[in-house]
Amino acid sequence: MAANILFDNLLQEESKAYTAHVELGCGEGNLNASALSRGLNRTFGYDSDERVLQIATDRLPEARFYLCDLTKSPQTVVDKVTELAEGGENVLLTMYFVSDGLEKIRESVLEKCLKHADVVTIGYEVPGWEKHGGVVGGNVLGVEWFVYGKIT
């Protein structure tokens, strides 16, 4: 499973010990499941599709999933990431979005979250952002991922 490979490579490459994970566009919770299986006991998923969130919730009762359209309620995720970071958590935020979706949430969500979390984009680079670690783990199943470190 690509999600497991992502976490194995990311956690091996990074010297930081992440303690919380937030997934934007979590779908059925595949990355959340990988986070849990790799020791990140606090994982949160956000998606705008109620049906897939129910599947994720049934699959992973130990995770927390939220129905949220980030283009309409972006502050919800920003608040969660800020709360976790201010509570002492080392937060990893992961996301896989198509480019038009990225542009809709880039300023309202991602740039604010980058102050409190490392952000991993799956499948694309964010133009104008400085990569932390470049492509982590290379190309797995035809997909690259990019890590952007916290702005301190």
C-alpha atoms as a PDB file:
ATOM      1  CA  MET A   1       0.000   0.000   0.000  1.00  0.00           C
ATOM      2  CA  ALA A   2       1.427   3.359  -1.068  1.00  0.00           C
ATOM      3  CA  ALA A   3       0.343   5.034   2.191  1.00  0.00           C
ATOM      4  CA  ASN A   4       2.479   2.642   4.230  1.00  0.00           C
ATOM      5  CA  ILE A   5       5.462   3.219   1.973  1.00  0.00           C
ATOM      6  CA  LEU A   6       5.020   6.976   2.343  1.00  0.00           C
ATOM      7  CA  PHE A   7       5.040   6.815   6.134  1.00  0.00           C
ATOM      8  CA  ASP A   8       7.893   4.322   6.285  1.00  0.00           C
ATOM      9  CA  ASN A   9      10.077   6.559   4.135  1.00  0.00           C
ATOM     10  CA  LEU A  10       8.995   9.820   5.716  1.00  0.00           C
ATOM     11  CA  LEU A  11       9.450   8.675   9.299  1.00  0.00           C
ATOM     12  CA  GLN A  12      12.806   7.088   8.455  1.00  0.00           C
ATOM     13  CA  GLU A  13      14.093  10.173   6.628  1.00  0.00           C
ATOM     14  CA  GLU A  14      12.904  12.775   9.089  1.00  0.00           C
ATOM     15  CA  SER A  15      14.715  13.209  12.390  1.00  0.00           C
ATOM     16  CA  LYS A  16      11.580  14.586  14.026  1.00  0.00           C
ATOM     17  CA  ALA A  17       9.223  12.315  15.873  1.00  0.00           C
ATOM     18  CA  TYR A  18       5.748  13.291  14.753  1.00  0.00           C
ATOM     19  CA  THR A  19       3.086  12.896  17.419  1.00  0.00           C
ATOM     20  CA  ALA A  20      -0.030  13.963  15.498  1.00  0.00           C
ATOM     21  CA  HIS A  21      -1.231  13.623  11.911  1.00  0.00           C
ATOM     22  CA  VAL A  22      -3.843  15.607   9.974  1.00  0.00           C
ATOM     23  CA  GLU A  23      -4.995  14.459   6.521  1.00  0.00           C
ATOM     24  CA  LEU A  24      -6.828  16.818   4.169  1.00  0.00           C
ATOM     25  CA  GLY A  25      -9.101  15.018   1.753  1.00  0.00           C
ATOM     26  CA  CYS A  26      -8.818  11.814   3.781  1.00  0.00           C
ATOM     27  CA  GLY A  27     -11.341   9.753   1.837  1.00  0.00           C
ATOM     28  CA  GLU A  28     -11.673   6.318   3.440  1.00  0.00           C
ATOM     29  CA  GLY A  29      -8.771   6.998   5.806  1.00  0.00           C
ATOM     30  CA  ASN A  30      -5.900   5.133   4.134  1.00  0.00           C
ATOM     31  CA  LEU A  31      -3.235   7.589   5.274  1.00  0.00           C
ATOM     32  CA  ASN A  32      -4.852   7.786   8.708  1.00  0.00           C
ATOM     33  CA  ALA A  33      -4.640   3.987   8.987  1.00  0.00           C
ATOM     34  CA  SER A  34      -0.964   4.097   8.010  1.00  0.00           C
ATOM     35  CA  ALA A  35      -0.306   6.860  10.546  1.00  0.00           C
ATOM     36  CA  LEU A  36      -1.899   4.775  13.297  1.00  0.00           C
ATOM     37  CA  SER A  37       0.022   1.648  12.316  1.00  0.00           C
ATOM     38  CA  ARG A  38       3.271   3.650  12.407  1.00  0.00           C
ATOM     39  CA  GLY A  39       2.723   4.933  15.947  1.00  0.00           C
ATOM     40  CA  LEU A  40       1.024   8.290  15.363  1.00  0.00           C
ATOM     41  CA  ASN A  41      -1.798   7.712  17.818  1.00  0.00           C
ATOM     42  CA  ARG A  42      -3.460  11.048  17.148  1.00  0.00           C
ATOM     43  CA  THR A  43      -4.721  11.224  13.584  1.00  0.00           C
ATOM     44  CA  PHE A  44      -7.468  13.419  12.158  1.00  0.00           C
ATOM     45  CA  GLY A  45      -9.077  13.326   8.727  1.00  0.00           C
ATOM     46  CA  TYR A  46     -11.107  15.945   6.874  1.00  0.00           C
ATOM     47  CA  ASP A  47     -13.239  15.322   3.811  1.00  0.00           C
ATOM     48  CA  SER A  48     -16.308  16.813   2.163  1.00  0.00           C
ATOM     49  CA  ASP A  49     -17.864  13.427   1.291  1.00  0.00           C
ATOM     50  CA  GLU A  50     -20.076  12.107   4.073  1.00  0.00           C
ATOM     51  CA  ARG A  51     -20.212   8.586   2.594  1.00  0.00           C
ATOM     52  CA  VAL A  52     -16.440   8.036   2.598  1.00  0.00           C
ATOM     53  CA  LEU A  53     -16.124   9.579   6.058  1.00  0.00           C
ATOM     54  CA  GLN A  54     -18.562   6.991   7.396  1.00  0.00           C
ATOM     55  CA  ILE A  55     -16.389   4.242   5.899  1.00  0.00           C
ATOM     56  CA  ALA A  56     -13.295   5.807   7.504  1.00  0.00           C
ATOM     57  CA  THR A  57     -15.029   6.138  10.878  1.00  0.00           C
ATOM     58  CA  ASP A  58     -16.212   2.522  10.797  1.00  0.00           C
ATOM     59  CA  ARG A  59     -12.713   1.319   9.795  1.00  0.00           C
ATOM     60  CA  LEU A  60     -10.764   3.409  12.280  1.00  0.00           C
ATOM     61  CA  PRO A  61     -12.733   4.215  15.422  1.00  0.00           C
ATOM     62  CA  GLU A  62      -9.524   5.379  17.140  1.00  0.00           C
ATOM     63  CA  ALA A  63      -9.086   8.190  14.586  1.00  0.00           C
ATOM     64  CA  ARG A  64     -11.203  11.346  14.381  1.00  0.00           C
ATOM     65  CA  PHE A  65     -12.889  12.312  11.133  1.00  0.00           C
ATOM     66  CA  TYR A  66     -14.653  15.551  10.272  1.00  0.00           C
ATOM     67  CA  LEU A  67     -17.052  16.499   7.506  1.00  0.00           C
ATOM     68  CA  CYS A  68     -15.616  19.716   6.120  1.00  0.00           C
ATOM     69  CA  ASP A  69     -15.473  21.491   2.783  1.00  0.00           C
ATOM     70  CA  LEU A  70     -12.152  23.282   3.114  1.00  0.00           C
ATOM     71  CA  THR A  71     -13.078  25.792   0.435  1.00  0.00           C
ATOM     72  CA  LYS A  72     -16.005  26.968   2.603  1.00  0.00           C
ATOM     73  CA  SER A  73     -14.735  26.360   6.162  1.00  0.00           C
ATOM     74  CA  PRO A  74     -10.949  26.634   6.006  1.00  0.00           C
ATOM     75  CA  GLN A  75     -10.506  27.879   9.566  1.00  0.00           C
ATOM     76  CA  THR A  76     -11.635  24.500  10.957  1.00  0.00           C
ATOM     77  CA  VAL A  77      -8.377  22.807   9.943  1.00  0.00           C
ATOM     78  CA  VAL A  78      -6.212  25.798  10.813  1.00  0.00           C
ATOM     79  CA  ASP A  79      -7.708  25.787  14.319  1.00  0.00           C
ATOM     80  CA  LYS A  80      -7.080  22.036  14.780  1.00  0.00           C
ATOM     81  CA  VAL A  81      -3.450  22.220  13.625  1.00  0.00           C
ATOM     82  CA  THR A  82      -2.824  25.290  15.791  1.00  0.00           C
ATOM     83  CA  GLU A  83      -4.444  23.619  18.816  1.00  0.00           C
ATOM     84  CA  LEU A  84      -2.315  20.491  18.393  1.00  0.00           C
ATOM     85  CA  ALA A  85       0.927  22.445  17.926  1.00  0.00           C
ATOM     86  CA  GLU A  86       0.263  24.780  20.844  1.00  0.00           C
ATOM     87  CA  GLY A  87      -0.505  21.695  22.950  1.00  0.00           C
ATOM     88  CA  GLY A  88       3.023  20.417  22.312  1.00  0.00           C
ATOM     89  CA  GLU A  89       2.309  18.030  19.427  1.00  0.00           C
ATOM     90  CA  ASN A  90       4.725  17.738  16.501  1.00  0.00           C
ATOM     91  CA  VAL A  91       2.210  17.828  13.648  1.00  0.00           C
ATOM     92  CA  LEU A  92       2.448  16.255  10.210  1.00  0.00           C
ATOM     93  CA  LEU A  93      -0.166  17.412   7.696  1.00  0.00           C
ATOM     94  CA  THR A  94      -0.630  15.313   4.549  1.00  0.00           C
ATOM     95  CA  MET A  95      -2.701  16.039   1.501  1.00  0.00           C
ATOM     96  CA  TYR A  96      -3.379  14.926  -2.027  1.00  0.00           C
ATOM     97  CA  PHE A  97      -5.247  17.527  -4.036  1.00  0.00           C
ATOM     98  CA  VAL A  98      -5.577  18.340  -7.678  1.00  0.00           C
ATOM     99  CA  SER A  99      -4.067  21.677  -8.595  1.00  0.00           C
ATOM    100  CA  ASP A 100      -7.348  23.609  -8.764  1.00  0.00           C
ATOM    101  CA  GLY A 101      -8.273  22.391  -5.271  1.00  0.00           C
ATOM    102  CA  LEU A 102      -4.835  23.345  -4.003  1.00  0.00           C
ATOM    103  CA  GLU A 103      -5.183  26.902  -5.254  1.00  0.00           C
ATOM    104  CA  LYS A 104      -8.578  27.232  -3.518  1.00  0.00           C
ATOM    105  CA  ILE A 105      -7.140  26.351  -0.089  1.00  0.00           C
ATOM    106  CA  ARG A 106      -3.507  27.372  -0.426  1.00  0.00           C
ATOM    107  CA  GLU A 107      -3.737  30.768   1.234  1.00  0.00           C
ATOM    108  CA  SER A 108      -6.605  30.099   3.631  1.00  0.00           C
ATOM    109  CA  VAL A 109      -5.412  26.729   4.945  1.00  0.00           C
ATOM    110  CA  LEU A 110      -1.981  25.588   3.873  1.00  0.00           C
ATOM    111  CA  GLU A 111       0.072  28.710   4.422  1.00  0.00           C
ATOM    112  CA  LYS A 112      -1.451  29.159   7.881  1.00  0.00           C
ATOM    113  CA  CYS A 113      -0.904  25.485   8.796  1.00  0.00           C
ATOM    114  CA  LEU A 114       2.710  25.636   7.620  1.00  0.00           C
ATOM    115  CA  LYS A 115       3.450  27.847  10.632  1.00  0.00           C
ATOM    116  CA  HIS A 116       2.597  24.936  12.948  1.00  0.00           C
ATOM    117  CA  ALA A 117       3.174  21.719  10.997  1.00  0.00           C
ATOM    118  CA  ASP A 118       5.294  20.042   8.388  1.00  0.00           C
ATOM    119  CA  VAL A 119       3.208  19.690   5.227  1.00  0.00           C
ATOM    120  CA  VAL A 120       3.518  16.770   2.824  1.00  0.00           C
ATOM    121  CA  THR A 121       1.938  17.085  -0.590  1.00  0.00           C
ATOM    122  CA  ILE A 122       1.400  13.879  -2.478  1.00  0.00           C
ATOM    123  CA  GLY A 123       1.714  13.926  -6.228  1.00  0.00           C
ATOM    124  CA  TYR A 124       2.692  17.546  -6.810  1.00  0.00           C
ATOM    125  CA  GLU A 125       4.924  20.385  -5.699  1.00  0.00           C
ATOM    126  CA  VAL A 126       3.546  23.638  -4.317  1.00  0.00           C
ATOM    127  CA  PRO A 127       4.884  26.452  -6.513  1.00  0.00           C
ATOM    128  CA  GLY A 128       6.809  29.019  -4.502  1.00  0.00           C
ATOM    129  CA  TRP A 129       7.263  26.907  -1.378  1.00  0.00           C
ATOM    130  CA  GLU A 130      10.739  25.865  -0.264  1.00  0.00           C
ATOM    131  CA  LYS A 131      11.012  22.096   0.032  1.00  0.00           C
ATOM    132  CA  HIS A 132      12.360  20.559   3.202  1.00  0.00           C
ATOM    133  CA  GLY A 133      14.027  17.326   2.200  1.00  0.00           C
ATOM    134  CA  GLY A 134      12.897  17.474  -1.434  1.00  0.00           C
ATOM    135  CA  VAL A 135      11.281  14.334  -2.756  1.00  0.00           C
ATOM    136  CA  VAL A 136      11.117  11.919   0.154  1.00  0.00           C
ATOM    137  CA  GLY A 137      11.386   8.248  -0.721  1.00  0.00           C
ATOM    138  CA  GLY A 138      11.498   8.912  -4.451  1.00  0.00           C
ATOM    139  CA  ASN A 139       8.800   7.652  -6.725  1.00  0.00           C
ATOM    140  CA  VAL A 140       6.458   5.003  -5.314  1.00  0.00           C
ATOM    141  CA  LEU A 141       3.840   3.548  -7.611  1.00  0.00           C
ATOM    142  CA  GLY A 142       4.388   6.501  -9.919  1.00  0.00           C
ATOM    143  CA  VAL A 143       3.741   9.132  -7.239  1.00  0.00           C
ATOM    144  CA  GLU A 144       6.225  11.553  -5.676  1.00  0.00           C
ATOM    145  CA  TRP A 145       5.745  13.390  -2.425  1.00  0.00           C
ATOM    146  CA  PHE A 146       7.248  16.620  -1.179  1.00  0.00           C
ATOM    147  CA  VAL A 147       7.906  17.829   2.364  1.00  0.00           C
ATOM    148  CA  TYR A 148       7.653  21.472   3.367  1.00  0.00           C
ATOM    149  CA  GLY A 149       8.948  22.340   6.838  1.00  0.00           C
ATOM    150  CA  LYS A 150       7.463  24.618   9.436  1.00  0.00           C
ATOM    151  CA  ILE A 151       8.091  28.310   9.087  1.00  0.00           C
ATOM    152  CA  THR A 152       9.654  29.351  12.374  1.00  0.00           C
END
